[in-house]
């Protein structure tokens, strides 16, 4: 679980806070609040640790997509459904 916390905390310091907030806004309030608290407790994440965590999270997402357990929608696909 630390990978997600580190990836999110590092994303805030690297200018991707909008992406983190989008993800957090699409989960239960309780879980999002818990992750925000853990991010605050994590402090400053070193670049190499943050990038490693982001790589780990991305790897899990790709595995879930490959296994058919997750479907990623591109902005173009979203526009077609509208």
C-alpha atoms as a PDB file:
ATOM      1  CA  UNK A   1       0.000   0.000   0.000  1.00  0.00           C
ATOM      2  CA  UNK A   2       2.887   2.406   0.536  1.00  0.00           C
ATOM      3  CA  UNK A   3       3.394   2.544  -3.233  1.00  0.00           C
ATOM      4  CA  UNK A   4       0.082   4.304  -3.703  1.00  0.00           C
ATOM      5  CA  UNK A   5       0.718   6.725  -0.840  1.00  0.00           C
ATOM      6  CA  UNK A   6       4.231   7.490  -2.080  1.00  0.00           C
ATOM      7  CA  UNK A   7       3.047   7.853  -5.685  1.00  0.00           C
ATOM      8  CA  UNK A   8       0.265  10.232  -4.662  1.00  0.00           C
ATOM      9  CA  UNK A   9       2.461  12.253  -2.288  1.00  0.00           C
ATOM     10  CA  UNK A  10       5.193  12.551  -4.907  1.00  0.00           C
ATOM     11  CA  UNK A  11       2.630  13.557  -7.543  1.00  0.00           C
ATOM     12  CA  UNK A  12       1.628  16.528  -5.404  1.00  0.00           C
ATOM     13  CA  UNK A  13       5.209  17.806  -5.376  1.00  0.00           C
ATOM     14  CA  UNK A  14       5.722  17.180  -9.089  1.00  0.00           C
ATOM     15  CA  UNK A  15       2.704  19.120 -10.342  1.00  0.00           C
ATOM     16  CA  UNK A  16       0.221  16.281 -10.854  1.00  0.00           C
ATOM     17  CA  UNK A  17      -2.056  17.069  -7.937  1.00  0.00           C
ATOM     18  CA  UNK A  18      -5.091  17.345 -10.255  1.00  0.00           C
ATOM     19  CA  UNK A  19      -4.678  13.702 -11.265  1.00  0.00           C
ATOM     20  CA  UNK A  20      -4.447  12.612  -7.635  1.00  0.00           C
ATOM     21  CA  UNK A  21      -7.521  14.637  -6.688  1.00  0.00           C
ATOM     22  CA  UNK A  22      -9.440  13.139  -9.613  1.00  0.00           C
ATOM     23  CA  UNK A  23      -8.638   9.624  -8.397  1.00  0.00           C
ATOM     24  CA  UNK A  24      -9.410  10.452  -4.777  1.00  0.00           C
ATOM     25  CA  UNK A  25     -12.730  12.049  -5.741  1.00  0.00           C
ATOM     26  CA  UNK A  26     -13.780   8.804  -7.406  1.00  0.00           C
ATOM     27  CA  UNK A  27     -13.411   6.583  -4.342  1.00  0.00           C
ATOM     28  CA  UNK A  28     -15.155   6.425  -1.008  1.00  0.00           C
ATOM     29  CA  UNK A  29     -14.707   9.495   1.189  1.00  0.00           C
ATOM     30  CA  UNK A  30     -13.379   7.340   4.004  1.00  0.00           C
ATOM     31  CA  UNK A  31     -10.690   5.746   1.829  1.00  0.00           C
ATOM     32  CA  UNK A  32      -9.748   9.065   0.225  1.00  0.00           C
ATOM     33  CA  UNK A  33      -9.440  10.732   3.639  1.00  0.00           C
ATOM     34  CA  UNK A  34      -7.298   7.856   4.886  1.00  0.00           C
ATOM     35  CA  UNK A  35      -4.975   8.148   1.887  1.00  0.00           C
ATOM     36  CA  UNK A  36      -4.744  11.933   2.321  1.00  0.00           C
ATOM     37  CA  UNK A  37      -3.779  11.420   5.961  1.00  0.00           C
ATOM     38  CA  UNK A  38      -1.118   8.856   5.037  1.00  0.00           C
ATOM     39  CA  UNK A  39       0.204  11.188   2.328  1.00  0.00           C
ATOM     40  CA  UNK A  40       0.551  13.945   4.913  1.00  0.00           C
ATOM     41  CA  UNK A  41       2.397  11.629   7.269  1.00  0.00           C
ATOM     42  CA  UNK A  42       4.734  10.429   4.502  1.00  0.00           C
ATOM     43  CA  UNK A  43       6.407  13.831   4.325  1.00  0.00           C
ATOM     44  CA  UNK A  44       8.653  14.722   1.415  1.00  0.00           C
ATOM     45  CA  UNK A  45       9.205  11.825  -0.971  1.00  0.00           C
ATOM     46  CA  UNK A  46      12.568  11.597  -2.712  1.00  0.00           C
ATOM     47  CA  UNK A  47      12.349  11.657  -6.505  1.00  0.00           C
ATOM     48  CA  UNK A  48      13.732   8.136  -6.938  1.00  0.00           C
ATOM     49  CA  UNK A  49      11.281   6.729  -4.370  1.00  0.00           C
ATOM     50  CA  UNK A  50       8.338   8.632  -5.835  1.00  0.00           C
ATOM     51  CA  UNK A  51       9.137   7.573  -9.376  1.00  0.00           C
ATOM     52  CA  UNK A  52       9.601   3.942  -8.274  1.00  0.00           C
ATOM     53  CA  UNK A  53       6.215   4.060  -6.529  1.00  0.00           C
ATOM     54  CA  UNK A  54       4.564   5.575  -9.602  1.00  0.00           C
ATOM     55  CA  UNK A  55       6.110   2.852 -11.780  1.00  0.00           C
ATOM     56  CA  UNK A  56       4.781   0.161  -9.417  1.00  0.00           C
ATOM     57  CA  UNK A  57       1.264   1.648  -9.445  1.00  0.00           C
ATOM     58  CA  UNK A  58       1.324   1.979 -13.243  1.00  0.00           C
ATOM     59  CA  UNK A  59       2.429  -1.649 -13.516  1.00  0.00           C
ATOM     60  CA  UNK A  60      -0.515  -2.816 -11.410  1.00  0.00           C
ATOM     61  CA  UNK A  61      -2.926  -0.735 -13.493  1.00  0.00           C
ATOM     62  CA  UNK A  62      -1.571  -2.235 -16.716  1.00  0.00           C
ATOM     63  CA  UNK A  63      -1.823  -5.750 -15.311  1.00  0.00           C
ATOM     64  CA  UNK A  64      -5.439  -5.166 -14.270  1.00  0.00           C
ATOM     65  CA  UNK A  65      -6.237  -3.803 -17.717  1.00  0.00           C
ATOM     66  CA  UNK A  66      -4.515  -6.740 -19.446  1.00  0.00           C
ATOM     67  CA  UNK A  67      -6.504  -9.170 -17.263  1.00  0.00           C
ATOM     68  CA  UNK A  68      -9.769  -7.413 -18.154  1.00  0.00           C
ATOM     69  CA  UNK A  69     -10.406  -6.305 -14.569  1.00  0.00           C
ATOM     70  CA  UNK A  70     -10.059  -2.624 -15.422  1.00  0.00           C
ATOM     71  CA  UNK A  71     -11.018  -0.615 -18.474  1.00  0.00           C
ATOM     72  CA  UNK A  72      -9.238   2.629 -19.199  1.00  0.00           C
ATOM     73  CA  UNK A  73     -11.214   5.180 -21.176  1.00  0.00           C
ATOM     74  CA  UNK A  74      -9.371   7.715 -23.295  1.00  0.00           C
ATOM     75  CA  UNK A  75     -10.747  11.253 -23.707  1.00  0.00           C
ATOM     76  CA  UNK A  76     -11.635  10.406 -27.336  1.00  0.00           C
ATOM     77  CA  UNK A  77     -13.695   7.399 -26.256  1.00  0.00           C
ATOM     78  CA  UNK A  78     -15.408   9.518 -23.602  1.00  0.00           C
ATOM     79  CA  UNK A  79     -16.391  12.110 -26.239  1.00  0.00           C
ATOM     80  CA  UNK A  80     -17.856   9.383 -28.487  1.00  0.00           C
ATOM     81  CA  UNK A  81     -20.126   8.179 -25.665  1.00  0.00           C
ATOM     82  CA  UNK A  82     -21.501  11.682 -25.000  1.00  0.00           C
END
